[in-house]
Structure formats: structure tokens, C-alpha cells
Amino acid sequence: MDKKKKKTPRDHLHVSKQDSERVSNLSVPPQAAEALHSFYEDFTLRGIRVDRFQPGGSISCSFTVPPRLTDRNGNLAVGAIANLVDEIGATMVYEKDVPMNVSVDMSISYLSTVNLNDELEISAKLLGGKGAVKGTLVVLKNKLTGEVIAEGRHSLFSITRSKI
């Protein structure tokens, strides 16, 4: 009998030459010290287009899947989906000149995949809130087929302003 060698954790963490070259070829422009966003946000959200926005209600965006956010199979990476749910969900509770909201819970159902260069429709709405906690719902769909790719529920906590 031919026994297969079991993979060790080290084997699973091995980075292929192709993956290493993909990362090495990334262009990362320097950011100004006063930038209001991080490299991470810029890396994920670059290229997103806001199609419709209703303050305190909902937002609808379009996004073409770029190579920088794909996994080894050419699909939008699940980590990128989670980041989109986080960032787009947070826009629903953003208030100017108020401390940043903190994510306290995120639940994402991954229902399908979407490929490189496919167009996404990302919609989000504010579900409501109680006290300093607010909830949002973010849905990612394949714009061409209408198929739901992922659905995320996102709870955020906001530090309230002092009344003193």
C-alpha cells in the first residue's frame, strides 16, 4: 500500500514562488501622516463606486473584483469579503467629528464565489440601534447574475459624547 505523507502545519504555510512574486509586485504608495484612512482600507476599497446613498438608511455600491483581492483560485478572497462587510457596514453608522465606531460582532454567511473582474453590487442598510450599539446588514451580489455572494450582519459600538 502506498501511504501518503501527512502535511505538517509548516507545509500548509509554505508560500509558493508565484504568490511571493504577486506580493512583491504590489505597488504601495506612501500615505500622508494626516490621512484619515489606513493602508488596509485603501487597499480594499480602492475602486469602489457609490451608486446611491440615503443618510441614516442605506447605501448601494459597485465594485469590480481586482487581482489584489483574489485568492489562489482567482475568486474574491473571504478575508476581502469580511473587510468589505466591515468597512461598508461602518459607513452606515459614521458620524463626522464623533469617535470611530468599534466592531463588536460580525457574522457573515458565504454563499457563493465571485471571480476576478466580476462586478459586485454591495448594498448595506442600518437595521437599528439601542443605546451605543447599532446594527447593519451588508449584502454582496454578483451584478450580472444577481446571485448573492455573501451576507453579513455587523454590530458596532460608539462611544457617546460626554454631556459635561
Protein backbone atom coordinates (compact mmCIF):
# COMPACT_ATOMS: atom_id res chain seq x y z
CA MET A 1 0.00 0.00 0.00
CA ASP A 2 1.13 3.44 -0.84
CA LYS A 3 0.91 5.72 2.19
CA LYS A 4 0.55 9.43 1.59
CA LYS A 5 2.73 11.70 3.64
CA LYS A 6 0.64 13.81 6.00
CA LYS A 7 1.07 17.53 5.59
CA THR A 8 2.53 19.36 8.54
CA PRO A 9 1.48 22.88 9.53
CA ARG A 10 4.75 24.09 8.01
CA ASP A 11 3.70 22.56 4.66
CA HIS A 12 0.41 24.46 4.75
CA LEU A 13 2.19 27.75 5.46
CA HIS A 14 4.61 27.40 2.56
CA VAL A 15 4.45 30.37 0.20
CA SER A 16 4.86 29.48 -3.45
CA LYS A 17 7.20 31.45 -5.70
CA GLN A 18 4.17 32.69 -7.68
CA ASP A 19 2.47 34.01 -4.50
CA SER A 20 5.68 35.61 -3.33
CA GLU A 21 6.08 37.39 -6.67
CA ARG A 22 2.45 38.62 -6.56
CA VAL A 23 3.08 40.27 -3.19
CA SER A 24 6.47 41.64 -4.25
CA ASN A 25 4.90 43.32 -7.28
CA LEU A 26 2.28 45.24 -5.29
CA SER A 27 2.56 48.99 -5.62
CA VAL A 28 2.03 50.67 -2.26
CA PRO A 29 2.03 54.48 -2.49
CA PRO A 30 3.19 56.37 0.62
CA GLN A 31 0.45 57.92 2.73
CA ALA A 32 0.45 61.35 4.28
CA ALA A 33 0.66 61.37 8.08
CA GLU A 34 -2.67 63.21 8.30
CA ALA A 35 -4.55 60.60 6.22
CA LEU A 36 -7.91 59.66 7.71
CA HIS A 37 -7.72 56.09 6.46
CA SER A 38 -5.19 53.30 6.68
CA PHE A 39 -3.31 51.36 4.04
CA TYR A 40 -5.62 48.45 4.77
CA GLU A 41 -8.78 50.44 3.98
CA ASP A 42 -7.26 51.93 0.84
CA PHE A 43 -6.05 48.52 -0.31
CA THR A 44 -9.54 47.01 -0.03
CA LEU A 45 -11.79 49.90 -1.04
CA ARG A 46 -9.78 51.36 -3.94
CA GLY A 47 -12.07 51.29 -6.99
CA ILE A 48 -15.41 51.14 -5.18
CA ARG A 49 -18.14 53.40 -6.61
CA VAL A 50 -21.08 54.73 -4.60
CA ASP A 51 -24.23 54.44 -6.73
CA ARG A 52 -26.83 55.55 -4.18
CA PHE A 53 -26.69 56.85 -0.62
CA GLN A 54 -29.51 57.69 1.76
CA PRO A 55 -28.18 59.17 5.04
CA GLY A 56 -29.13 57.02 8.01
CA GLY A 57 -30.80 54.49 5.73
CA SER A 58 -28.91 52.66 3.03
CA ILE A 59 -26.04 52.67 0.57
CA SER A 60 -25.52 50.87 -2.74
CA CYS A 61 -22.09 50.49 -4.34
CA SER A 62 -20.49 48.86 -7.38
CA PHE A 63 -17.11 47.16 -7.24
CA THR A 64 -15.09 45.24 -9.80
CA VAL A 65 -13.03 42.42 -8.23
CA PRO A 66 -9.35 43.41 -8.62
CA PRO A 67 -6.40 40.97 -8.70
CA ARG A 68 -5.10 42.25 -5.34
CA LEU A 69 -8.17 40.84 -3.53
CA THR A 70 -8.29 37.37 -5.09
CA ASP A 71 -7.24 34.04 -3.62
CA ARG A 72 -5.16 31.34 -5.34
CA ASN A 73 -8.22 30.17 -7.28
CA GLY A 74 -8.95 33.62 -8.73
CA ASN A 75 -12.01 34.18 -6.51
CA LEU A 76 -12.64 37.16 -4.27
CA ALA A 77 -10.89 36.15 -1.03
CA VAL A 78 -13.10 35.54 2.01
CA GLY A 79 -10.93 37.96 4.01
CA ALA A 80 -11.64 40.67 1.45
CA ILE A 81 -15.37 39.94 1.74
CA ALA A 82 -15.14 40.26 5.53
CA ASN A 83 -13.30 43.57 5.17
CA LEU A 84 -15.93 44.88 2.73
CA VAL A 85 -18.70 43.93 5.20
CA ASP A 86 -16.77 45.72 7.96
CA GLU A 87 -15.98 48.89 6.01
CA ILE A 88 -19.31 49.28 4.20
CA GLY A 89 -21.29 48.40 7.33
CA ALA A 90 -19.35 51.01 9.29
CA THR A 91 -20.31 53.72 6.78
CA MET A 92 -23.91 53.29 7.85
CA VAL A 93 -23.16 54.49 11.40
CA TYR A 94 -20.41 57.03 10.64
CA GLU A 95 -20.81 60.49 12.12
CA LYS A 96 -18.43 63.35 11.42
CA ASP A 97 -16.41 64.59 14.43
CA VAL A 98 -17.51 61.63 16.57
CA PRO A 99 -15.02 58.99 17.75
CA MET A 100 -14.75 55.98 15.45
CA ASN A 101 -17.18 53.13 16.00
CA VAL A 102 -15.76 49.79 17.08
CA SER A 103 -16.90 46.48 15.60
CA VAL A 104 -18.17 44.22 18.39
CA ASP A 105 -19.67 41.40 16.33
CA MET A 106 -19.73 40.36 12.71
CA SER A 107 -21.49 37.32 11.29
CA ILE A 108 -21.00 36.51 7.61
CA SER A 109 -22.67 33.83 5.51
CA TYR A 110 -20.52 32.95 2.48
CA LEU A 111 -23.00 31.67 -0.10
CA SER A 112 -21.10 31.65 -3.39
CA THR A 113 -17.92 32.85 -5.06
CA VAL A 114 -17.17 35.64 -7.47
CA ASN A 115 -14.23 35.77 -9.87
CA LEU A 116 -11.57 38.26 -10.85
CA ASN A 117 -13.04 41.19 -12.86
CA ASP A 118 -16.64 40.28 -11.96
CA GLU A 119 -18.78 43.25 -10.96
CA LEU A 120 -20.31 43.27 -7.49
CA GLU A 121 -23.30 45.12 -6.18
CA ILE A 122 -22.79 45.87 -2.49
CA SER A 123 -25.75 47.14 -0.52
CA ALA A 124 -25.98 47.99 3.15
CA LYS A 125 -28.65 49.25 5.46
CA LEU A 126 -28.90 50.32 9.06
CA LEU A 127 -31.01 47.79 10.94
CA GLY A 128 -31.36 49.96 14.04
CA GLY A 129 -29.73 50.53 17.37
CA LYS A 130 -30.11 50.59 21.10
CA GLY A 131 -28.00 52.94 23.15
CA ALA A 132 -24.45 52.96 21.85
CA VAL A 133 -24.83 49.75 19.78
CA LYS A 134 -26.04 49.80 16.19
CA GLY A 135 -26.52 47.00 13.68
CA THR A 136 -26.09 46.92 9.92
CA LEU A 137 -26.75 44.40 7.15
CA VAL A 138 -24.40 44.17 4.15
CA VAL A 139 -25.18 42.06 1.06
CA LEU A 140 -22.73 41.35 -1.77
CA LYS A 141 -24.27 40.21 -5.09
CA ASN A 142 -22.88 39.32 -8.48
CA LYS A 143 -24.19 42.27 -10.52
CA LEU A 144 -24.53 40.23 -13.73
CA THR A 145 -26.36 37.18 -12.31
CA GLY A 146 -27.97 38.67 -9.20
CA GLU A 147 -26.59 35.73 -7.16
CA VAL A 148 -25.92 36.54 -3.50
CA ILE A 149 -22.23 36.03 -2.75
CA ALA A 150 -22.27 36.87 0.95
CA GLU A 151 -24.49 38.40 3.61
CA GLY A 152 -23.07 39.97 6.73
CA ARG A 153 -24.56 41.34 9.91
CA HIS A 154 -22.34 43.84 11.67
CA SER A 155 -22.74 45.29 15.17
CA LEU A 156 -20.83 48.41 16.14
CA PHE A 157 -20.32 50.25 19.43
CA SER A 158 -19.99 54.01 19.59
CA ILE A 159 -18.51 55.96 22.46
CA THR A 160 -21.11 58.56 23.28
CA ARG A 161 -20.11 62.17 23.80
CA SER A 162 -19.83 63.39 27.34
CA LYS A 163 -22.66 65.70 28.43
CA ILE A 164 -20.38 67.57 30.79
